[in-house]
Amino acid sequence: MRLSRLRLNRTLLARQHLLERSRTTPAAMVTHLVGLQAQEPLSPYLSLAARLAEPDPWVVSAALEDRTLARVLSLRDTVHLHVPADALTLPVWAAPVRERELRASQAIGDARTVDRAAFAAAVREVLADGPLGQRALGAALAERFGEHTAAQLGQVARVTEVLVQLPPRGCWKPAGSTAVTYDFAQRWLGAPLGEPDVPGIVRRYLRAFGPASAADVTTWSGITRLAPVLAGMEDLVQHEDADGRRLYDVADAPLAEEDVPAPVRLLGLYDNLWLSHAARDRVTTPEARKAGAGPNGAQLMSVYVDGWLTGFWQVRDGRVAIEHLLRRLTRTERTDLDAEVARTEALLAR
């Protein structure tokens, strides 16, 4: 089947639960989406609020405390919020991505040459008595590898080991410091690191982001050489986009119609909705993304109207501040945006 850009747009929004909000649990939604971007602590709360009918940030925060959700470096070597099973397997799958960062990161510098076996043993020794803050971890490693700085060694530990960021980091309105504290994922979550089921991960991606190409799965995950994996999965069906590019999909996943209404939605920084396809054009255009670029290329939080990136917003003093709209809204769209703003402000006030 040849799928138009609009039909792919509506299908993505449907699979992301951005056409109709779901009454599922936060953990179930995090599982369905194969994690939520959590580089910024507020982002996963906004992602869930956009997708859940009855979002409760305190439930998500409590899940971080009771270890039924965890923050860990995984996809694209960025922090994601995951359920424990994914927190213990996706970072293992994504180890090549972290290796690329180890080789390229200016923050790591020549500490990348540290003896890896000796370094891993040192990290185990340093964390033997329990979790440590990022600075304390780096300082303890610097006592053992004095030719490198504590900051460099802390970064090496961050990318060579599977470490969870412990609460209160990422919690909802935490009291006191939210400085990063690390522990081994397997110790914090009470289970060993697991071997990833790559075809299973690909199927889950397609259920949440498909139909998609091998290049799309690479953009989402950071993992390369996936074309043979998809080509070898005989249970997948194949479509084409408007330009004739091959798209894979799970056979029983629904395709939305072009004329399905798409309500206004407010999303946080770096939501995977727009980061997870090679051209990043399922819900955006290059011109729209450029309009929201901030310092160092950071994207402002995004406004979607009729299924497309249409503006940008920030939180100011607990309120939603619409920074820029890319076009004039209709009266109905403006009313819908006002309702979404009010809903988001109610969340921020909790």
Protein backbone atom coordinates (compact mmCIF):
# COMPACT_ATOMS: atom_id res chain seq x y z
CA MET A 1 0.00 0.00 0.00
CA ARG A 2 1.28 3.50 -0.84
CA LEU A 3 0.70 5.78 2.13
CA SER A 4 0.41 9.53 1.83
CA ARG A 5 2.28 11.84 4.18
CA LEU A 6 -1.03 12.83 5.79
CA ARG A 7 -2.02 9.23 6.38
CA LEU A 8 1.36 8.50 7.95
CA ASN A 9 0.90 11.58 10.13
CA ARG A 10 -2.49 10.44 11.39
CA THR A 11 -1.31 6.87 11.88
CA LEU A 12 1.64 8.01 13.98
CA LEU A 13 -0.60 10.23 16.11
CA ALA A 14 -3.07 7.37 16.61
CA ARG A 15 -0.35 4.94 17.69
CA GLN A 16 1.07 7.57 20.02
CA HIS A 17 -2.37 8.05 21.64
CA LEU A 18 -2.37 11.70 20.55
CA LEU A 19 -5.65 11.49 18.65
CA GLU A 20 -7.57 10.01 21.58
CA ARG A 21 -6.19 9.92 25.09
CA SER A 22 -5.88 6.54 26.76
CA ARG A 23 -7.14 5.41 30.15
CA THR A 24 -4.21 3.07 30.63
CA THR A 25 -1.64 3.39 33.42
CA PRO A 26 1.55 5.46 33.17
CA ALA A 27 3.67 2.29 33.25
CA ALA A 28 1.64 0.72 30.45
CA MET A 29 2.03 3.85 28.32
CA VAL A 30 5.77 4.01 29.00
CA THR A 31 5.97 0.35 27.95
CA HIS A 32 3.96 0.93 24.77
CA LEU A 33 6.15 3.89 23.76
CA VAL A 34 9.34 1.93 24.56
CA GLY A 35 10.29 4.67 27.01
CA LEU A 36 9.84 8.41 27.27
CA GLN A 37 12.49 11.01 26.58
CA ALA A 38 13.56 12.29 30.00
CA GLN A 39 16.60 14.44 29.31
CA GLU A 40 14.64 17.28 30.90
CA PRO A 41 12.89 16.19 34.14
CA LEU A 42 9.54 17.75 33.20
CA SER A 43 9.36 16.16 29.74
CA PRO A 44 7.99 12.69 30.61
CA TYR A 45 5.23 14.23 32.72
CA LEU A 46 4.14 16.36 29.77
CA SER A 47 4.42 13.40 27.41
CA LEU A 48 2.13 11.35 29.63
CA ALA A 49 -0.30 14.21 30.20
CA ALA A 50 -0.73 14.60 26.44
CA ARG A 51 -1.52 10.90 26.05
CA LEU A 52 -3.41 9.89 29.19
CA ALA A 53 -7.00 10.79 29.99
CA GLU A 54 -6.31 11.13 33.72
CA PRO A 55 -2.64 11.97 34.21
CA ASP A 56 -1.34 12.07 37.77
CA PRO A 57 2.29 13.25 38.08
CA TRP A 58 2.49 12.04 41.65
CA VAL A 59 1.85 8.45 40.51
CA VAL A 60 4.79 8.70 38.10
CA SER A 61 6.97 10.25 40.78
CA ALA A 62 6.05 7.48 43.24
CA ALA A 63 6.95 4.90 40.59
CA LEU A 64 10.48 6.32 40.47
CA GLU A 65 10.66 5.99 44.23
CA ASP A 66 9.36 2.41 44.34
CA ARG A 67 11.51 1.39 41.35
CA THR A 68 8.69 0.46 38.98
CA LEU A 69 10.02 3.17 36.66
CA ALA A 70 13.65 4.17 36.19
CA ARG A 71 15.73 6.84 34.45
CA VAL A 72 18.66 5.48 32.44
CA LEU A 73 20.75 6.23 29.36
CA SER A 74 19.32 4.18 26.51
CA LEU A 75 18.06 5.23 23.09
CA ARG A 76 20.36 7.62 21.22
CA ASP A 77 22.48 7.72 24.38
CA THR A 78 19.95 10.03 26.02
CA VAL A 79 18.14 9.66 29.34
CA HIS A 80 14.82 7.86 29.03
CA LEU A 81 12.15 6.86 31.52
CA HIS A 82 11.64 3.09 31.31
CA VAL A 83 9.93 0.23 33.04
CA PRO A 84 12.51 -2.06 34.71
CA ALA A 85 12.55 -4.71 31.97
CA ASP A 86 13.49 -2.09 29.38
CA ALA A 87 15.92 -0.30 31.70
CA LEU A 88 17.82 -3.58 32.02
CA THR A 89 17.90 -4.51 28.31
CA LEU A 90 17.71 -1.42 26.09
CA PRO A 91 20.99 0.06 27.43
CA VAL A 92 22.67 -3.27 26.65
CA TRP A 93 21.35 -3.07 23.07
CA ALA A 94 22.45 0.56 22.87
CA ALA A 95 26.01 -0.09 24.05
CA PRO A 96 27.42 0.70 20.56
CA VAL A 97 25.85 4.16 20.77
CA ARG A 98 27.61 4.83 24.06
CA GLU A 99 30.85 3.57 22.54
CA ARG A 100 30.51 6.17 19.79
CA GLU A 101 30.07 8.86 22.44
CA LEU A 102 33.11 7.58 24.30
CA ARG A 103 35.19 8.02 21.16
CA ALA A 104 33.75 11.40 20.16
CA SER A 105 32.93 13.28 23.37
CA GLN A 106 35.07 16.33 24.07
CA ALA A 107 33.98 16.15 27.72
CA ILE A 108 35.68 12.74 28.01
CA GLY A 109 38.85 13.73 26.20
CA ASP A 110 41.82 11.43 26.57
CA ALA A 111 40.14 9.56 29.43
CA ARG A 112 38.65 7.40 26.67
CA THR A 113 41.98 5.54 26.64
CA VAL A 114 41.63 4.31 30.20
CA ASP A 115 42.05 0.55 30.64
CA ARG A 116 38.48 -0.65 30.46
CA ALA A 117 38.82 -3.76 32.62
CA ALA A 118 40.61 -1.85 35.36
CA PHE A 119 38.09 0.98 35.10
CA ALA A 120 35.09 -1.35 35.38
CA ALA A 121 36.63 -2.94 38.46
CA ALA A 122 37.21 0.51 39.96
CA VAL A 123 33.58 1.52 39.37
CA ARG A 124 32.43 -1.67 41.10
CA GLU A 125 34.72 -0.90 44.01
CA VAL A 126 33.64 2.73 44.29
CA LEU A 127 29.93 1.83 44.20
CA ALA A 128 30.29 -1.26 46.40
CA ASP A 129 28.81 0.46 49.45
CA GLY A 130 25.89 2.02 47.60
CA PRO A 131 24.91 4.86 45.27
CA LEU A 132 27.04 7.97 44.80
CA GLY A 133 26.42 11.42 43.43
CA GLN A 134 27.95 12.28 40.09
CA ARG A 135 30.69 14.45 41.61
CA ALA A 136 31.55 11.96 44.34
CA LEU A 137 31.72 9.15 41.79
CA GLY A 138 34.11 11.13 39.59
CA ALA A 139 36.26 12.19 42.55
CA ALA A 140 36.61 8.62 43.81
CA LEU A 141 37.62 7.42 40.35
CA ALA A 142 40.15 10.27 40.05
CA GLU A 143 41.90 8.91 43.14
CA ARG A 144 42.54 5.74 41.14
CA PHE A 145 43.20 7.25 37.72
CA GLY A 146 44.98 10.47 38.61
CA GLU A 147 46.05 11.28 35.05
CA HIS A 148 42.44 12.20 34.23
CA THR A 149 40.01 14.67 35.79
CA ALA A 150 37.08 13.69 37.98
CA ALA A 151 34.67 15.18 35.44
CA GLN A 152 36.17 13.12 32.62
CA LEU A 153 36.09 9.90 34.62
CA GLY A 154 32.52 10.51 35.73
CA GLN A 155 31.54 10.78 32.06
CA VAL A 156 33.39 7.56 31.24
CA ALA A 157 31.49 5.76 34.00
CA ARG A 158 28.23 7.20 32.72
CA VAL A 159 28.70 5.75 29.24
CA THR A 160 30.52 2.49 29.94
CA GLU A 161 28.30 1.22 32.77
CA VAL A 162 24.52 0.85 32.94
CA LEU A 163 23.71 3.31 35.71
CA VAL A 164 20.29 4.45 36.90
CA GLN A 165 19.67 8.05 37.90
CA LEU A 166 18.11 7.73 41.33
CA PRO A 167 15.26 9.79 42.77
CA PRO A 168 14.67 12.53 43.68
CA ARG A 169 16.15 13.26 40.25
CA GLY A 170 13.20 13.30 37.87
CA CYS A 171 10.56 13.31 40.61
CA TRP A 172 7.59 15.64 40.57
CA LYS A 173 8.34 18.82 42.52
CA PRO A 174 11.03 17.25 44.73
CA ALA A 175 12.11 18.88 47.96
CA GLY A 176 15.82 19.62 48.13
CA SER A 177 18.60 18.87 45.68
CA THR A 178 17.98 16.98 42.44
CA ALA A 179 21.66 16.45 41.65
CA VAL A 180 22.30 13.22 39.76
CA THR A 181 23.00 10.16 41.93
CA TYR A 182 23.96 6.87 40.28
CA ASP A 183 23.61 3.20 41.10
CA PHE A 184 24.04 0.07 39.02
CA ALA A 185 20.79 -0.65 37.22
CA GLN A 186 20.85 -4.32 38.18
CA ARG A 187 21.27 -3.55 41.88
CA TRP A 188 18.70 -0.76 41.99
CA LEU A 189 16.12 -2.79 40.05
CA GLY A 190 16.92 -6.13 41.65
CA ALA A 191 17.51 -8.09 38.45
CA PRO A 192 20.40 -8.77 36.09
CA LEU A 193 21.00 -6.97 32.84
CA GLY A 194 19.20 -8.79 30.05
CA GLU A 195 19.95 -9.83 26.50
CA PRO A 196 17.84 -7.68 24.15
CA ASP A 197 15.34 -9.31 21.80
CA VAL A 198 16.11 -7.11 18.77
CA PRO A 199 13.21 -8.27 16.54
CA GLY A 200 10.89 -7.82 19.52
CA ILE A 201 12.15 -4.28 20.09
CA VAL A 202 11.66 -3.49 16.40
CA ARG A 203 8.07 -4.77 16.53
CA ARG A 204 7.39 -2.59 19.56
CA TYR A 205 8.84 0.43 17.79
CA LEU A 206 6.59 -0.21 14.79
CA ARG A 207 3.51 -0.52 17.00
CA ALA A 208 4.24 2.90 18.50
CA PHE A 209 5.91 4.71 15.58
CA GLY A 210 5.25 2.74 12.39
CA PRO A 211 5.00 2.15 9.53
CA ALA A 212 8.70 2.94 9.25
CA SER A 213 11.92 2.26 7.41
CA ALA A 214 15.13 0.73 8.75
CA ALA A 215 16.60 4.26 8.71
CA ASP A 216 13.72 5.39 10.93
CA VAL A 217 14.46 2.68 13.51
CA THR A 218 18.11 3.79 13.48
CA THR A 219 17.14 7.44 14.00
CA TRP A 220 14.96 6.45 16.96
CA SER A 221 17.48 4.13 18.59
CA GLY A 222 20.90 5.21 17.39
CA ILE A 223 21.62 1.59 16.39
CA THR A 224 22.92 1.10 12.86
CA ARG A 225 22.81 -1.82 10.37
CA LEU A 226 19.19 -2.65 11.04
CA ALA A 227 18.11 -3.11 7.40
CA PRO A 228 19.00 -6.85 7.43
CA VAL A 229 17.09 -7.29 10.68
CA LEU A 230 13.88 -5.85 9.26
CA ALA A 231 14.30 -7.59 5.92
CA GLY A 232 14.65 -10.91 7.73
CA MET A 233 11.48 -10.50 9.82
CA GLU A 234 9.01 -12.45 7.67
CA ASP A 235 6.03 -11.55 9.85
CA LEU A 236 6.25 -7.87 8.90
CA VAL A 237 4.19 -6.34 6.10
CA GLN A 238 5.56 -3.75 3.71
CA HIS A 239 4.15 -0.45 2.46
CA GLU A 240 5.55 2.54 0.58
CA ASP A 241 5.50 6.23 1.36
CA ALA A 242 4.57 8.86 -1.22
CA ASP A 243 8.11 8.79 -2.60
CA GLY A 244 8.19 5.03 -2.97
CA ARG A 245 10.40 4.33 0.04
CA ARG A 246 9.87 0.94 1.69
CA LEU A 247 8.13 1.00 5.06
CA TYR A 248 7.76 -1.98 7.39
CA ASP A 249 4.92 -2.61 9.80
CA VAL A 250 3.45 -5.21 12.10
CA ALA A 251 0.64 -6.97 10.30
CA ASP A 252 -2.16 -6.26 12.75
CA ALA A 253 -1.42 -2.58 13.42
CA PRO A 254 -4.18 -0.23 12.22
CA LEU A 255 -3.64 2.53 9.66
CA ALA A 256 -5.54 5.76 10.34
CA GLU A 257 -7.49 7.57 7.65
CA GLU A 258 -6.39 10.97 6.37
CA ASP A 259 -9.56 12.74 7.50
CA VAL A 260 -9.34 11.75 11.19
CA PRO A 261 -9.39 14.99 13.27
CA ALA A 262 -6.19 15.71 15.20
CA PRO A 263 -6.73 17.73 18.40
CA VAL A 264 -4.37 20.35 19.79
CA ARG A 265 -1.60 18.91 21.93
CA LEU A 266 1.23 20.45 23.98
CA LEU A 267 4.40 18.37 24.24
CA GLY A 268 7.62 18.82 26.19
CA LEU A 269 11.22 19.10 25.10
CA TYR A 270 12.56 16.35 22.83
CA ASP A 271 9.39 14.27 22.75
CA ASN A 272 10.12 11.14 20.70
CA LEU A 273 7.09 11.92 18.54
CA TRP A 274 9.20 14.12 16.27
CA LEU A 275 12.65 12.60 16.94
CA SER A 276 11.99 9.06 15.78
CA HIS A 277 11.99 9.11 11.96
CA ALA A 278 14.94 9.71 9.66
CA ALA A 279 13.48 12.81 7.95
CA ARG A 280 11.75 13.98 11.14
CA ASP A 281 8.84 15.00 8.96
CA ARG A 282 5.90 12.91 10.24
CA VAL A 283 4.63 15.85 12.30
CA THR A 284 7.03 18.66 11.38
CA THR A 285 8.77 20.50 8.58
CA PRO A 286 12.40 21.66 8.60
CA GLU A 287 11.22 25.26 8.59
CA ALA A 288 8.99 24.69 11.63
CA ARG A 289 11.75 22.98 13.59
CA LYS A 290 14.20 25.76 12.77
CA ALA A 291 11.74 28.36 14.05
CA GLY A 292 11.81 26.75 17.50
CA ALA A 293 15.54 26.23 17.81
CA GLY A 294 17.09 27.85 20.87
CA PRO A 295 20.62 28.08 22.27
CA ASN A 296 22.91 25.22 21.18
CA GLY A 297 20.15 23.93 18.93
CA ALA A 298 17.78 23.12 21.80
CA GLN A 299 14.16 22.94 20.74
CA LEU A 300 11.45 24.81 22.61
CA MET A 301 8.47 22.82 23.83
CA SER A 302 6.07 22.25 20.97
CA VAL A 303 2.45 22.98 20.05
CA TYR A 304 0.67 20.69 17.59
CA VAL A 305 -2.45 21.84 15.77
CA ASP A 306 -4.25 19.63 13.26
CA GLY A 307 -1.46 17.10 13.71
CA TRP A 308 1.47 19.36 12.78
CA LEU A 309 4.05 21.37 14.66
CA THR A 310 2.49 24.83 14.72
CA GLY A 311 4.13 26.67 17.60
CA PHE A 312 6.26 26.70 20.69
CA TRP A 313 5.77 27.25 24.39
CA GLN A 314 7.54 27.49 27.74
CA VAL A 315 6.63 27.27 31.41
CA ARG A 316 6.84 30.62 33.16
CA ASP A 317 5.94 30.88 36.86
CA GLY A 318 3.86 27.73 36.60
CA ARG A 319 1.92 28.98 33.58
CA VAL A 320 1.97 28.08 29.90
CA ALA A 321 3.48 30.85 27.80
CA ILE A 322 2.90 30.44 24.07
CA GLU A 323 6.09 31.81 22.55
CA HIS A 324 5.40 31.68 18.85
CA LEU A 325 2.73 30.37 16.49
CA LEU A 326 3.73 29.64 12.91
CA ARG A 327 0.34 30.49 11.45
CA ARG A 328 -2.89 32.16 12.38
CA LEU A 329 -5.27 29.74 14.09
CA THR A 330 -8.94 29.44 13.28
CA ARG A 331 -11.39 30.36 15.99
CA THR A 332 -12.05 26.69 16.73
CA GLU A 333 -8.32 25.93 16.88
CA ARG A 334 -7.75 28.84 19.24
CA THR A 335 -10.52 27.58 21.52
CA ASP A 336 -8.97 24.11 21.50
CA LEU A 337 -5.52 25.56 22.26
CA ASP A 338 -6.93 27.53 25.18
CA ALA A 339 -8.48 24.35 26.57
CA GLU A 340 -5.20 22.45 26.23
CA VAL A 341 -3.31 25.29 27.90
CA ALA A 342 -5.76 25.24 30.81
CA ARG A 343 -5.40 21.47 31.13
CA THR A 344 -1.61 21.71 31.15
CA GLU A 345 -1.63 24.52 33.71
CA ALA A 346 -3.86 22.41 35.95
CA LEU A 347 -1.23 19.67 35.75
CA LEU A 348 1.59 22.10 36.56
CA ALA A 349 -0.35 23.32 39.60
CA ARG A 350 -0.65 19.84 41.16
